[in-house]
Amino acid sequence: MRLEKRFREIYIIMYLTTEKKAELIKQFGKSEKDSGSAKCQIAIYTERINALTEKMKENHKDFVTQRSLLKLVGKRRSLLNYVKDHDIEEYRSLIKALNIRK
């Protein structure tokens, strides 16, 4: 059980490297250190969701990953609703830039 948990932690670290995360922050954040804005968080969640989706295609019976994926989608959806309520044009550009269908 402990080995399996450690493998998941390593897998999560591998697909979202520091460089990739910094690139997302630079592209969607207001500055290079702005990792807390809604747009930036949505971009990071989208990257994680895409990686987990690929993992689920390989192993469809992994219910822990499935639950994590559903939780991330819910978090992203709530942030998207926040952005949509505050600035609809920003929401539309974000959906287009991240290729999120809605």
N, C-alpha and C. Protein backbone atom coordinates (compact mmCIF):
# COMPACT_ATOMS: atom_id res chain seq x y z
N MET A 1 0.83 -1.20 0.00
CA MET A 1 0.00 0.00 0.00
C MET A 1 0.87 1.26 0.00
N ARG A 2 1.92 1.29 0.82
CA ARG A 2 2.78 2.46 0.88
C ARG A 2 3.52 2.67 -0.43
N LEU A 3 3.96 1.59 -1.04
CA LEU A 3 4.68 1.68 -2.30
C LEU A 3 3.77 2.24 -3.39
N GLU A 4 2.52 1.79 -3.38
CA GLU A 4 1.56 2.27 -4.37
C GLU A 4 1.30 3.78 -4.20
N LYS A 5 1.20 4.24 -2.97
CA LYS A 5 0.98 5.66 -2.71
C LYS A 5 2.19 6.47 -3.17
N ARG A 6 3.38 5.96 -2.92
CA ARG A 6 4.60 6.65 -3.34
C ARG A 6 4.67 6.73 -4.86
N PHE A 7 4.26 5.68 -5.55
CA PHE A 7 4.26 5.67 -7.01
C PHE A 7 3.33 6.75 -7.55
N ARG A 8 2.16 6.89 -6.94
CA ARG A 8 1.21 7.92 -7.38
C ARG A 8 1.79 9.31 -7.20
N GLU A 9 2.48 9.54 -6.06
CA GLU A 9 3.10 10.84 -5.83
C GLU A 9 4.17 11.13 -6.87
N ILE A 10 4.96 10.14 -7.22
CA ILE A 10 5.99 10.32 -8.24
C ILE A 10 5.35 10.59 -9.58
N TYR A 11 4.27 9.88 -9.91
CA TYR A 11 3.59 10.06 -11.19
C TYR A 11 3.03 11.48 -11.30
N ILE A 12 2.45 11.98 -10.21
CA ILE A 12 1.87 13.32 -10.22
C ILE A 12 2.97 14.36 -10.44
N ILE A 13 4.12 14.16 -9.82
CA ILE A 13 5.23 15.09 -9.98
C ILE A 13 5.75 15.07 -11.41
N MET A 14 5.77 13.90 -12.04
CA MET A 14 6.38 13.77 -13.36
C MET A 14 5.62 14.52 -14.44
N TYR A 15 4.31 14.51 -14.44
CA TYR A 15 3.61 15.10 -15.57
C TYR A 15 3.46 16.60 -15.47
N LEU A 16 3.61 17.18 -14.31
CA LEU A 16 3.54 18.63 -14.17
C LEU A 16 4.85 19.11 -13.55
N THR A 17 5.84 19.28 -14.40
CA THR A 17 7.16 19.69 -13.93
C THR A 17 7.14 21.16 -13.53
N THR A 18 8.17 21.57 -12.85
CA THR A 18 8.28 22.95 -12.42
C THR A 18 8.33 23.89 -13.62
N GLU A 19 9.03 23.46 -14.66
CA GLU A 19 9.14 24.29 -15.86
C GLU A 19 7.78 24.46 -16.54
N LYS A 20 7.03 23.37 -16.63
CA LYS A 20 5.71 23.42 -17.25
C LYS A 20 4.76 24.31 -16.44
N LYS A 21 4.83 24.17 -15.13
CA LYS A 21 3.98 24.98 -14.27
C LYS A 21 4.35 26.46 -14.38
N ALA A 22 5.66 26.76 -14.44
CA ALA A 22 6.10 28.14 -14.59
C ALA A 22 5.65 28.71 -15.94
N GLU A 23 5.67 27.88 -16.97
CA GLU A 23 5.21 28.30 -18.29
C GLU A 23 3.71 28.64 -18.26
N LEU A 24 2.92 27.80 -17.59
CA LEU A 24 1.49 28.07 -17.47
C LEU A 24 1.22 29.35 -16.69
N ILE A 25 1.98 29.56 -15.62
CA ILE A 25 1.81 30.76 -14.80
C ILE A 25 2.17 32.00 -15.62
N LYS A 26 3.25 31.90 -16.39
CA LYS A 26 3.67 33.04 -17.21
C LYS A 26 2.64 33.35 -18.29
N GLN A 27 2.04 32.31 -18.86
CA GLN A 27 1.08 32.50 -19.95
C GLN A 27 -0.27 33.01 -19.45
N PHE A 28 -0.75 32.49 -18.32
CA PHE A 28 -2.11 32.81 -17.87
C PHE A 28 -2.15 33.73 -16.66
N GLY A 29 -1.04 33.89 -15.96
CA GLY A 29 -1.03 34.76 -14.78
C GLY A 29 -0.80 36.21 -15.13
N LYS A 30 -0.98 37.08 -14.16
CA LYS A 30 -0.75 38.50 -14.38
C LYS A 30 0.73 38.83 -14.35
N SER A 31 1.50 38.03 -13.62
CA SER A 31 2.96 38.17 -13.59
C SER A 31 3.56 36.77 -13.51
N GLU A 32 4.88 36.70 -13.44
CA GLU A 32 5.54 35.39 -13.39
C GLU A 32 5.35 34.68 -12.05
N LYS A 33 4.99 35.43 -11.02
CA LYS A 33 4.81 34.83 -9.70
C LYS A 33 3.35 34.74 -9.30
N ASP A 34 2.45 35.03 -10.21
CA ASP A 34 1.02 35.02 -9.91
C ASP A 34 0.44 33.63 -10.17
N SER A 35 0.54 32.76 -9.19
CA SER A 35 0.01 31.41 -9.35
C SER A 35 -1.36 31.25 -8.71
N GLY A 36 -1.89 32.31 -8.12
CA GLY A 36 -3.14 32.20 -7.40
C GLY A 36 -4.36 32.73 -8.13
N SER A 37 -4.15 33.38 -9.27
CA SER A 37 -5.31 33.92 -9.99
C SER A 37 -6.15 32.77 -10.54
N ALA A 38 -7.41 33.06 -10.76
CA ALA A 38 -8.34 32.03 -11.21
C ALA A 38 -7.93 31.46 -12.56
N LYS A 39 -7.50 32.33 -13.49
CA LYS A 39 -7.08 31.86 -14.81
C LYS A 39 -5.90 30.90 -14.70
N CYS A 40 -4.96 31.23 -13.87
CA CYS A 40 -3.78 30.40 -13.69
C CYS A 40 -4.14 29.05 -13.06
N GLN A 41 -4.99 29.08 -12.06
CA GLN A 41 -5.42 27.84 -11.41
C GLN A 41 -6.19 26.95 -12.38
N ILE A 42 -7.02 27.54 -13.21
CA ILE A 42 -7.77 26.77 -14.20
C ILE A 42 -6.82 26.11 -15.19
N ALA A 43 -5.78 26.82 -15.60
CA ALA A 43 -4.80 26.26 -16.54
C ALA A 43 -4.05 25.08 -15.90
N ILE A 44 -3.68 25.22 -14.65
CA ILE A 44 -2.97 24.13 -13.95
C ILE A 44 -3.90 22.93 -13.76
N TYR A 45 -5.14 23.19 -13.35
CA TYR A 45 -6.11 22.09 -13.21
C TYR A 45 -6.34 21.39 -14.54
N THR A 46 -6.41 22.14 -15.62
CA THR A 46 -6.63 21.55 -16.94
C THR A 46 -5.48 20.63 -17.31
N GLU A 47 -4.26 21.05 -17.02
CA GLU A 47 -3.10 20.21 -17.32
C GLU A 47 -3.15 18.91 -16.51
N ARG A 48 -3.50 19.02 -15.24
CA ARG A 48 -3.61 17.83 -14.40
C ARG A 48 -4.74 16.92 -14.86
N ILE A 49 -5.86 17.52 -15.25
CA ILE A 49 -7.02 16.73 -15.73
C ILE A 49 -6.65 15.98 -16.99
N ASN A 50 -5.94 16.63 -17.90
CA ASN A 50 -5.52 15.95 -19.13
C ASN A 50 -4.61 14.76 -18.84
N ALA A 51 -3.69 14.92 -17.89
CA ALA A 51 -2.79 13.82 -17.54
C ALA A 51 -3.55 12.67 -16.89
N LEU A 52 -4.47 12.99 -16.00
CA LEU A 52 -5.25 11.94 -15.34
C LEU A 52 -6.18 11.23 -16.32
N THR A 53 -6.68 11.96 -17.31
CA THR A 53 -7.53 11.36 -18.33
C THR A 53 -6.74 10.33 -19.14
N GLU A 54 -5.51 10.68 -19.48
CA GLU A 54 -4.66 9.73 -20.21
C GLU A 54 -4.38 8.48 -19.35
N LYS A 55 -4.17 8.70 -18.05
CA LYS A 55 -3.92 7.56 -17.17
C LYS A 55 -5.16 6.67 -17.07
N MET A 56 -6.34 7.30 -17.05
CA MET A 56 -7.58 6.52 -16.96
C MET A 56 -7.83 5.71 -18.23
N LYS A 57 -7.33 6.19 -19.37
CA LYS A 57 -7.47 5.43 -20.61
C LYS A 57 -6.66 4.14 -20.54
N GLU A 58 -5.52 4.18 -19.85
CA GLU A 58 -4.67 3.00 -19.71
C GLU A 58 -5.24 2.02 -18.69
N ASN A 59 -5.78 2.55 -17.58
CA ASN A 59 -6.25 1.70 -16.50
C ASN A 59 -7.63 2.19 -16.05
N HIS A 60 -8.66 1.68 -16.70
CA HIS A 60 -10.01 2.18 -16.44
C HIS A 60 -10.59 1.71 -15.11
N LYS A 61 -9.95 0.79 -14.43
CA LYS A 61 -10.46 0.31 -13.14
C LYS A 61 -9.80 0.99 -11.95
N ASP A 62 -9.02 2.01 -12.19
CA ASP A 62 -8.35 2.74 -11.11
C ASP A 62 -9.32 3.77 -10.55
N PHE A 63 -10.03 3.37 -9.51
CA PHE A 63 -11.08 4.21 -8.97
C PHE A 63 -10.56 5.37 -8.14
N VAL A 64 -9.36 5.25 -7.61
CA VAL A 64 -8.76 6.36 -6.87
C VAL A 64 -8.46 7.51 -7.82
N THR A 65 -7.89 7.17 -8.97
CA THR A 65 -7.61 8.19 -9.99
C THR A 65 -8.91 8.77 -10.53
N GLN A 66 -9.91 7.94 -10.68
CA GLN A 66 -11.20 8.41 -11.18
C GLN A 66 -11.81 9.43 -10.21
N ARG A 67 -11.71 9.14 -8.93
CA ARG A 67 -12.25 10.07 -7.92
C ARG A 67 -11.46 11.37 -7.93
N SER A 68 -10.14 11.28 -8.04
CA SER A 68 -9.31 12.49 -8.10
C SER A 68 -9.65 13.32 -9.33
N LEU A 69 -9.88 12.65 -10.43
CA LEU A 69 -10.23 13.33 -11.67
C LEU A 69 -11.56 14.08 -11.53
N LEU A 70 -12.55 13.43 -10.94
CA LEU A 70 -13.85 14.06 -10.75
C LEU A 70 -13.76 15.26 -9.81
N LYS A 71 -12.93 15.16 -8.75
CA LYS A 71 -12.76 16.28 -7.83
C LYS A 71 -12.10 17.46 -8.53
N LEU A 72 -11.10 17.18 -9.37
CA LEU A 72 -10.42 18.25 -10.09
C LEU A 72 -11.36 18.93 -11.09
N VAL A 73 -12.17 18.14 -11.76
CA VAL A 73 -13.13 18.71 -12.72
C VAL A 73 -14.12 19.62 -11.98
N GLY A 74 -14.55 19.22 -10.81
CA GLY A 74 -15.46 20.04 -10.02
C GLY A 74 -14.81 21.35 -9.57
N LYS A 75 -13.55 21.28 -9.14
CA LYS A 75 -12.84 22.49 -8.74
C LYS A 75 -12.67 23.44 -9.92
N ARG A 76 -12.30 22.86 -11.07
CA ARG A 76 -12.12 23.70 -12.26
C ARG A 76 -13.45 24.33 -12.68
N ARG A 77 -14.52 23.55 -12.59
CA ARG A 77 -15.84 24.06 -12.97
C ARG A 77 -16.25 25.24 -12.09
N SER A 78 -15.98 25.15 -10.78
CA SER A 78 -16.35 26.24 -9.89
C SER A 78 -15.51 27.49 -10.18
N LEU A 79 -14.24 27.31 -10.50
CA LEU A 79 -13.42 28.46 -10.87
C LEU A 79 -13.87 29.07 -12.19
N LEU A 80 -14.25 28.20 -13.15
CA LEU A 80 -14.76 28.70 -14.42
C LEU A 80 -16.05 29.49 -14.22
N ASN A 81 -16.90 29.03 -13.33
CA ASN A 81 -18.14 29.77 -13.02
C ASN A 81 -17.81 31.14 -12.42
N TYR A 82 -16.80 31.19 -11.57
CA TYR A 82 -16.38 32.46 -10.97
C TYR A 82 -15.91 33.43 -12.06
N VAL A 83 -15.05 32.94 -12.97
CA VAL A 83 -14.54 33.80 -14.04
C VAL A 83 -15.68 34.24 -14.95
N LYS A 84 -16.61 33.33 -15.24
CA LYS A 84 -17.74 33.67 -16.11
C LYS A 84 -18.62 34.76 -15.48
N ASP A 85 -18.82 34.69 -14.18
CA ASP A 85 -19.65 35.68 -13.50
C ASP A 85 -18.99 37.06 -13.46
N HIS A 86 -17.64 37.09 -13.42
CA HIS A 86 -16.95 38.37 -13.29
C HIS A 86 -16.53 38.99 -14.61
N ASP A 87 -16.18 38.16 -15.61
CA ASP A 87 -15.74 38.70 -16.90
C ASP A 87 -15.98 37.66 -17.98
N ILE A 88 -17.07 37.83 -18.72
CA ILE A 88 -17.48 36.82 -19.71
C ILE A 88 -16.49 36.73 -20.86
N GLU A 89 -15.88 37.86 -21.25
CA GLU A 89 -14.91 37.83 -22.36
C GLU A 89 -13.65 37.06 -21.96
N GLU A 90 -13.21 37.26 -20.74
CA GLU A 90 -12.05 36.53 -20.23
C GLU A 90 -12.36 35.03 -20.18
N TYR A 91 -13.58 34.70 -19.78
CA TYR A 91 -14.02 33.31 -19.73
C TYR A 91 -13.97 32.67 -21.12
N ARG A 92 -14.50 33.38 -22.10
CA ARG A 92 -14.51 32.84 -23.46
C ARG A 92 -13.10 32.67 -24.02
N SER A 93 -12.22 33.63 -23.75
CA SER A 93 -10.84 33.50 -24.24
C SER A 93 -10.12 32.35 -23.53
N LEU A 94 -10.41 32.15 -22.26
CA LEU A 94 -9.79 31.06 -21.51
C LEU A 94 -10.24 29.70 -22.01
N ILE A 95 -11.53 29.56 -22.28
CA ILE A 95 -12.07 28.32 -22.82
C ILE A 95 -11.43 28.00 -24.17
N LYS A 96 -11.27 29.02 -24.97
CA LYS A 96 -10.68 28.84 -26.30
C LYS A 96 -9.20 28.48 -26.21
N ALA A 97 -8.47 29.16 -25.31
CA ALA A 97 -7.03 28.93 -25.19
C ALA A 97 -6.72 27.54 -24.64
N LEU A 98 -7.57 27.03 -23.74
CA LEU A 98 -7.31 25.74 -23.11
C LEU A 98 -8.02 24.58 -23.81
N ASN A 99 -8.79 24.88 -24.84
CA ASN A 99 -9.56 23.86 -25.58
C ASN A 99 -10.49 23.08 -24.66
N ILE A 100 -11.18 23.81 -23.80
CA ILE A 100 -12.18 23.19 -22.93
C ILE A 100 -13.51 23.35 -23.62
N ARG A 101 -14.18 22.26 -23.86
CA ARG A 101 -15.47 22.38 -24.52
C ARG A 101 -16.55 22.60 -23.49
N LYS A 102 -17.43 23.50 -23.78
CA LYS A 102 -18.53 23.83 -22.88
C LYS A 102 -19.58 24.53 -23.69
